Every structure is written in structure tokens, then in C-alpha cells.
N, C-alpha and C. Protein backbone atom coordinates (compact mmCIF):
# COMPACT_ATOMS: atom_id res chain seq x y z
N MET A 1 68.86 93.87 99.20
CA MET A 1 70.30 93.78 99.06
C MET A 1 70.88 93.35 100.40
N ASN A 2 71.77 92.41 100.36
CA ASN A 2 72.45 91.89 101.54
C ASN A 2 73.94 92.13 101.36
N ALA A 3 74.51 93.05 102.13
CA ALA A 3 75.91 93.42 101.98
C ALA A 3 76.72 93.01 103.21
N LEU A 4 77.94 92.55 102.97
CA LEU A 4 78.86 92.20 104.04
C LEU A 4 79.99 93.22 104.02
N PHE A 5 80.15 93.95 105.12
CA PHE A 5 81.23 94.92 105.26
C PHE A 5 82.37 94.28 106.03
N LEU A 6 83.59 94.41 105.53
CA LEU A 6 84.76 93.90 106.22
C LEU A 6 85.57 95.06 106.77
N ASN A 7 85.97 94.91 108.01
CA ASN A 7 86.77 95.95 108.69
C ASN A 7 86.04 97.27 108.81
N ALA A 8 84.78 97.23 109.12
CA ALA A 8 83.98 98.45 109.24
C ALA A 8 84.02 98.93 110.68
N THR A 9 85.14 99.50 111.08
CA THR A 9 85.31 99.88 112.48
C THR A 9 85.45 101.37 112.72
N THR A 10 85.64 102.15 111.68
CA THR A 10 85.82 103.58 111.88
C THR A 10 84.47 104.28 111.90
N ASN A 11 84.45 105.50 112.38
CA ASN A 11 83.21 106.28 112.41
C ASN A 11 82.66 106.49 111.01
N ASP A 12 83.55 106.71 110.02
CA ASP A 12 83.09 106.87 108.64
C ASP A 12 82.42 105.60 108.14
N ASN A 13 83.01 104.43 108.47
CA ASN A 13 82.41 103.16 108.06
C ASN A 13 81.04 102.99 108.69
N LEU A 14 80.96 103.27 109.97
CA LEU A 14 79.70 103.09 110.68
C LEU A 14 78.63 104.05 110.15
N SER A 15 79.03 105.25 109.78
CA SER A 15 78.07 106.20 109.18
C SER A 15 77.57 105.69 107.84
N ALA A 16 78.48 105.14 107.03
CA ALA A 16 78.09 104.59 105.73
C ALA A 16 77.14 103.42 105.91
N ILE A 17 77.43 102.56 106.87
CA ILE A 17 76.58 101.40 107.13
C ILE A 17 75.20 101.85 107.57
N GLN A 18 75.15 102.84 108.45
CA GLN A 18 73.85 103.35 108.91
C GLN A 18 73.05 103.90 107.72
N GLU A 19 73.72 104.61 106.84
CA GLU A 19 73.05 105.17 105.67
C GLU A 19 72.52 104.05 104.76
N VAL A 20 73.31 103.00 104.58
CA VAL A 20 72.89 101.87 103.75
C VAL A 20 71.69 101.17 104.38
N GLU A 21 71.72 100.99 105.70
CA GLU A 21 70.59 100.37 106.39
C GLU A 21 69.34 101.22 106.29
N GLU A 22 69.49 102.54 106.36
CA GLU A 22 68.35 103.44 106.24
C GLU A 22 67.72 103.37 104.85
N GLN A 23 68.49 102.94 103.85
CA GLN A 23 67.96 102.74 102.50
C GLN A 23 67.21 101.42 102.39
N GLY A 24 67.19 100.65 103.49
CA GLY A 24 66.43 99.40 103.51
C GLY A 24 67.23 98.15 103.20
N HIS A 25 68.56 98.27 103.14
CA HIS A 25 69.40 97.12 102.84
C HIS A 25 69.86 96.46 104.13
N HIS A 26 70.12 95.17 104.04
CA HIS A 26 70.60 94.40 105.18
C HIS A 26 72.13 94.40 105.17
N VAL A 27 72.73 94.72 106.31
CA VAL A 27 74.19 94.82 106.39
C VAL A 27 74.69 93.92 107.51
N ARG A 28 75.77 93.21 107.22
CA ARG A 28 76.49 92.42 108.23
C ARG A 28 77.90 92.97 108.27
N ILE A 29 78.55 92.80 109.41
CA ILE A 29 79.93 93.26 109.57
C ILE A 29 80.80 92.08 110.00
N ALA A 30 81.93 91.93 109.34
CA ALA A 30 82.91 90.91 109.71
C ALA A 30 84.25 91.60 109.91
N ASN A 31 84.88 91.37 111.03
CA ASN A 31 86.15 92.02 111.31
C ASN A 31 87.32 91.04 111.36
N SER A 32 87.10 89.84 110.81
CA SER A 32 88.20 88.88 110.67
C SER A 32 87.91 88.03 109.44
N LEU A 33 88.93 87.39 108.91
CA LEU A 33 88.75 86.52 107.77
C LEU A 33 87.82 85.36 108.12
N GLN A 34 87.99 84.79 109.30
CA GLN A 34 87.15 83.67 109.71
C GLN A 34 85.68 84.08 109.79
N SER A 35 85.44 85.25 110.34
CA SER A 35 84.07 85.76 110.44
C SER A 35 83.48 86.00 109.05
N ALA A 36 84.29 86.52 108.14
CA ALA A 36 83.82 86.76 106.78
C ALA A 36 83.48 85.45 106.08
N ILE A 37 84.32 84.46 106.21
CA ILE A 37 84.08 83.15 105.58
C ILE A 37 82.79 82.55 106.13
N ARG A 38 82.63 82.59 107.43
CA ARG A 38 81.43 82.06 108.07
C ARG A 38 80.18 82.77 107.53
N ASP A 39 80.27 84.08 107.40
CA ASP A 39 79.12 84.84 106.90
C ASP A 39 78.82 84.51 105.45
N ILE A 40 79.84 84.36 104.63
CA ILE A 40 79.64 83.99 103.23
C ILE A 40 78.95 82.64 103.13
N GLU A 41 79.39 81.69 103.94
CA GLU A 41 78.80 80.35 103.92
C GLU A 41 77.36 80.34 104.42
N ASN A 42 77.07 81.17 105.43
CA ASN A 42 75.75 81.14 106.06
C ASN A 42 74.72 82.07 105.44
N SER A 43 75.15 83.20 104.90
CA SER A 43 74.16 84.17 104.44
C SER A 43 74.25 84.53 102.96
N ASP A 44 75.29 84.11 102.27
CA ASP A 44 75.46 84.36 100.85
C ASP A 44 75.14 85.81 100.49
N PRO A 45 76.00 86.75 100.88
CA PRO A 45 75.73 88.17 100.61
C PRO A 45 75.73 88.47 99.11
N ASP A 46 75.07 89.55 98.74
CA ASP A 46 75.05 90.00 97.35
C ASP A 46 76.33 90.76 97.00
N LEU A 47 76.93 91.37 98.01
CA LEU A 47 78.08 92.23 97.80
C LEU A 47 78.96 92.20 99.04
N ILE A 48 80.28 92.18 98.81
CA ILE A 48 81.23 92.33 99.91
C ILE A 48 81.93 93.66 99.72
N VAL A 49 81.98 94.45 100.79
CA VAL A 49 82.62 95.76 100.78
C VAL A 49 83.79 95.72 101.74
N ILE A 50 84.99 96.00 101.23
CA ILE A 50 86.22 95.92 102.04
C ILE A 50 86.81 97.31 102.22
N ASN A 51 87.12 97.66 103.47
CA ASN A 51 87.87 98.88 103.73
C ASN A 51 89.34 98.54 103.49
N ALA A 52 89.85 98.95 102.35
CA ALA A 52 91.22 98.60 101.95
C ALA A 52 92.28 99.40 102.69
N ASP A 53 91.88 100.36 103.50
CA ASP A 53 92.85 101.11 104.30
C ASP A 53 93.31 100.31 105.51
N LEU A 54 92.59 99.26 105.86
CA LEU A 54 92.87 98.54 107.09
C LEU A 54 93.57 97.21 106.83
N GLU A 55 94.08 96.63 107.87
CA GLU A 55 94.93 95.46 107.83
C GLU A 55 94.29 94.22 107.19
N PHE A 56 92.98 94.09 107.27
CA PHE A 56 92.29 92.90 106.78
C PHE A 56 92.57 92.65 105.30
N SER A 57 92.88 93.70 104.57
CA SER A 57 93.01 93.59 103.13
C SER A 57 94.37 93.06 102.68
N SER A 58 94.96 92.15 103.45
CA SER A 58 96.21 91.54 103.02
C SER A 58 95.97 90.76 101.74
N THR A 59 97.02 90.55 100.96
CA THR A 59 96.85 89.88 99.68
C THR A 59 96.32 88.46 99.85
N ASP A 60 96.78 87.73 100.87
CA ASP A 60 96.28 86.37 101.09
C ASP A 60 94.79 86.37 101.39
N ALA A 61 94.35 87.28 102.25
CA ALA A 61 92.93 87.36 102.60
C ALA A 61 92.09 87.74 101.38
N LEU A 62 92.58 88.68 100.59
CA LEU A 62 91.84 89.10 99.40
C LEU A 62 91.72 87.96 98.40
N LEU A 63 92.81 87.24 98.18
CA LEU A 63 92.76 86.11 97.25
C LEU A 63 91.81 85.03 97.75
N TYR A 64 91.85 84.75 99.03
CA TYR A 64 90.97 83.74 99.60
C TYR A 64 89.51 84.14 99.41
N LEU A 65 89.19 85.39 99.72
CA LEU A 65 87.82 85.87 99.54
C LEU A 65 87.39 85.83 98.08
N ARG A 66 88.29 86.23 97.19
CA ARG A 66 87.95 86.24 95.76
C ARG A 66 87.60 84.83 95.29
N HIS A 67 88.29 83.82 95.79
CA HIS A 67 88.02 82.44 95.39
C HIS A 67 86.82 81.84 96.12
N ALA A 68 86.55 82.31 97.33
CA ALA A 68 85.45 81.76 98.12
C ALA A 68 84.10 82.38 97.75
N PHE A 69 84.13 83.57 97.16
CA PHE A 69 82.90 84.31 96.89
C PHE A 69 82.84 84.67 95.42
N ARG A 70 81.79 84.28 94.75
CA ARG A 70 81.66 84.53 93.31
C ARG A 70 80.94 85.82 92.98
N GLY A 71 80.40 86.49 93.97
CA GLY A 71 79.69 87.75 93.73
C GLY A 71 80.65 88.92 93.62
N ASN A 72 80.08 90.12 93.66
CA ASN A 72 80.88 91.34 93.56
C ASN A 72 81.56 91.67 94.87
N ILE A 73 82.82 92.06 94.76
CA ILE A 73 83.60 92.55 95.89
C ILE A 73 84.13 93.91 95.49
N VAL A 74 83.94 94.89 96.36
CA VAL A 74 84.49 96.22 96.11
C VAL A 74 85.36 96.63 97.30
N ALA A 75 86.40 97.40 97.00
CA ALA A 75 87.29 97.92 98.03
C ALA A 75 87.23 99.43 97.99
N TYR A 76 87.31 100.03 99.16
CA TYR A 76 87.31 101.48 99.22
C TYR A 76 88.30 101.93 100.28
N GLY A 77 88.64 103.18 100.23
CA GLY A 77 89.55 103.77 101.21
C GLY A 77 90.20 105.00 100.62
N GLU A 78 90.54 105.91 101.48
CA GLU A 78 91.14 107.16 101.03
C GLU A 78 92.62 107.01 100.72
N ASN A 79 93.26 106.02 101.31
CA ASN A 79 94.71 105.90 101.19
C ASN A 79 95.15 104.66 100.41
N ILE A 80 94.39 104.27 99.40
CA ILE A 80 94.75 103.11 98.61
C ILE A 80 95.81 103.55 97.58
N SER A 81 96.97 102.92 97.66
CA SER A 81 98.06 103.28 96.76
C SER A 81 97.75 102.82 95.33
N PRO A 82 98.41 103.43 94.35
CA PRO A 82 98.23 102.97 92.97
C PRO A 82 98.59 101.49 92.80
N ALA A 83 99.63 101.03 93.49
CA ALA A 83 100.02 99.62 93.39
C ALA A 83 98.92 98.72 93.94
N THR A 84 98.29 99.11 95.04
CA THR A 84 97.21 98.32 95.61
C THR A 84 96.01 98.33 94.68
N ARG A 85 95.70 99.47 94.10
CA ARG A 85 94.59 99.55 93.14
C ARG A 85 94.83 98.62 91.95
N GLN A 86 96.07 98.60 91.49
CA GLN A 86 96.42 97.72 90.37
C GLN A 86 96.26 96.26 90.77
N TYR A 87 96.71 95.91 91.97
CA TYR A 87 96.57 94.54 92.45
C TYR A 87 95.09 94.16 92.58
N LEU A 88 94.30 95.04 93.17
CA LEU A 88 92.87 94.78 93.32
C LEU A 88 92.21 94.54 91.96
N ALA A 89 92.55 95.35 90.97
CA ALA A 89 92.00 95.17 89.63
C ALA A 89 92.43 93.82 89.06
N HIS A 90 93.66 93.44 89.32
CA HIS A 90 94.20 92.17 88.81
C HIS A 90 93.43 90.97 89.36
N VAL A 91 92.99 91.03 90.61
CA VAL A 91 92.25 89.91 91.21
C VAL A 91 90.73 90.09 91.09
N GLY A 92 90.30 91.10 90.35
CA GLY A 92 88.88 91.26 90.08
C GLY A 92 88.09 91.95 91.17
N ILE A 93 88.74 92.82 91.91
CA ILE A 93 88.07 93.59 92.96
C ILE A 93 88.09 95.05 92.57
N ALA A 94 86.90 95.62 92.39
CA ALA A 94 86.80 97.02 91.98
C ALA A 94 87.16 97.95 93.13
N THR A 95 87.77 99.08 92.80
CA THR A 95 88.07 100.11 93.78
C THR A 95 87.00 101.18 93.67
N VAL A 96 86.43 101.56 94.80
CA VAL A 96 85.33 102.50 94.84
C VAL A 96 85.84 103.88 95.21
N LEU A 97 85.49 104.85 94.40
CA LEU A 97 85.83 106.23 94.71
C LEU A 97 84.60 107.00 95.16
N ASP A 98 83.41 106.50 94.82
CA ASP A 98 82.16 107.12 95.24
C ASP A 98 81.87 106.73 96.68
N SER A 99 80.78 107.24 97.20
CA SER A 99 80.38 106.85 98.55
C SER A 99 79.88 105.41 98.53
N ILE A 100 80.04 104.73 99.64
CA ILE A 100 79.62 103.33 99.74
C ILE A 100 78.12 103.21 99.54
N SER A 101 77.35 104.15 100.07
CA SER A 101 75.89 104.07 99.89
C SER A 101 75.52 104.16 98.41
N ASP A 102 76.26 104.95 97.62
CA ASP A 102 76.01 105.03 96.18
C ASP A 102 76.33 103.69 95.51
N VAL A 103 77.39 103.05 95.96
CA VAL A 103 77.78 101.75 95.40
C VAL A 103 76.71 100.71 95.71
N ILE A 104 76.21 100.70 96.93
CA ILE A 104 75.16 99.75 97.32
C ILE A 104 73.91 99.98 96.48
N ALA A 105 73.52 101.23 96.32
CA ALA A 105 72.33 101.55 95.53
C ALA A 105 72.52 101.09 94.08
N GLN A 106 73.68 101.32 93.50
CA GLN A 106 73.95 100.90 92.12
C GLN A 106 73.94 99.38 92.02
N GLN A 107 74.54 98.69 92.97
CA GLN A 107 74.55 97.23 92.98
C GLN A 107 73.12 96.69 93.05
N HIS A 108 72.30 97.33 93.88
CA HIS A 108 70.91 96.92 94.02
C HIS A 108 70.16 97.10 92.69
N LEU A 109 70.37 98.22 92.02
CA LEU A 109 69.73 98.45 90.73
C LEU A 109 70.20 97.42 89.70
N ASN A 110 71.50 97.12 89.70
CA ASN A 110 72.04 96.13 88.76
C ASN A 110 71.43 94.76 89.00
N SER A 111 71.30 94.36 90.27
CA SER A 111 70.74 93.05 90.57
C SER A 111 69.27 92.98 90.21
N GLN A 112 68.54 94.08 90.35
CA GLN A 112 67.14 94.11 89.96
C GLN A 112 67.00 94.01 88.44
N ALA A 113 67.91 94.66 87.72
CA ALA A 113 67.86 94.62 86.26
C ALA A 113 68.17 93.23 85.72
N LEU A 114 69.04 92.49 86.41
CA LEU A 114 69.41 91.15 85.97
C LEU A 114 68.36 90.11 86.33
N ALA A 115 67.57 90.35 87.35
CA ALA A 115 66.62 89.35 87.84
C ALA A 115 65.66 88.84 86.77
N PRO A 116 64.99 89.68 85.96
CA PRO A 116 64.06 89.15 84.97
C PRO A 116 64.76 88.28 83.92
N SER A 117 65.96 88.67 83.49
CA SER A 117 66.65 87.90 82.47
C SER A 117 67.15 86.57 83.01
N GLN A 118 67.46 86.49 84.29
CA GLN A 118 67.90 85.25 84.89
C GLN A 118 66.76 84.27 85.04
N ALA A 119 65.54 84.78 85.14
CA ALA A 119 64.38 83.92 85.30
C ALA A 119 63.99 83.24 83.99
N ALA A 120 64.41 83.82 82.86
CA ALA A 120 64.05 83.27 81.55
C ALA A 120 64.76 81.99 81.22
């Protein structure tokens, strides 16, 4: 699993990233829209994880990412308002209430389950 974390600057984010890496997944961090776009173009991540509590999650940036990346994008944060959750759902970005490491593990299982059927 190759995951791109956006705005992963808090201690909680860094702890989640460390836990995901300890599970054997590859993690990249982008702290700007330009960095995220560059990473999407160069490494084609399986999943993008956005900390929606932070400034990066502006509507323009989210829309741009949604159109630039066809894979799964999830947003998480303790202070996501109902209006923001509704907007995220409208643009096809899931809001995560579980731990990020659980989301990564589930995404990894889903991608493994799809792999045999995609080969057919």
C-alpha cells in the first residue's frame, strides 16, 4: 500500500503515520497542494489521506485533488463540521471516524480483494 498524507504535521498525524509504516505500508507526506500534485504524478499513491482540520483542505484544493486523482481519498479530523462532512461527501471524499491505521489496513484488504478480479 502506498499512501499520501496531506497536512500531516501534528503529533497525532505523525503517530498515525509511524503506525502505518510499522504495518509495512509506504507513506509519503505532502504539506502543500503543489507537493501533493507532484507526488500524485510521480508515485501514483493508492490512497490519499487528508487532515481536514487544517488549512490545506480548502474547497478549491479538494476539488483539484478529486479531479487529479482517481483513487480513494479520505478526510479525517476531530473538528470537521457537519457542513464540511456534507461537502466532502458531495465531492466523493469519505470522512473517517476510525483511526487512520484502520483505514489503511481496510484499504489494503480491499485492494488485495480486487486484484484477482482485475487480472481476469
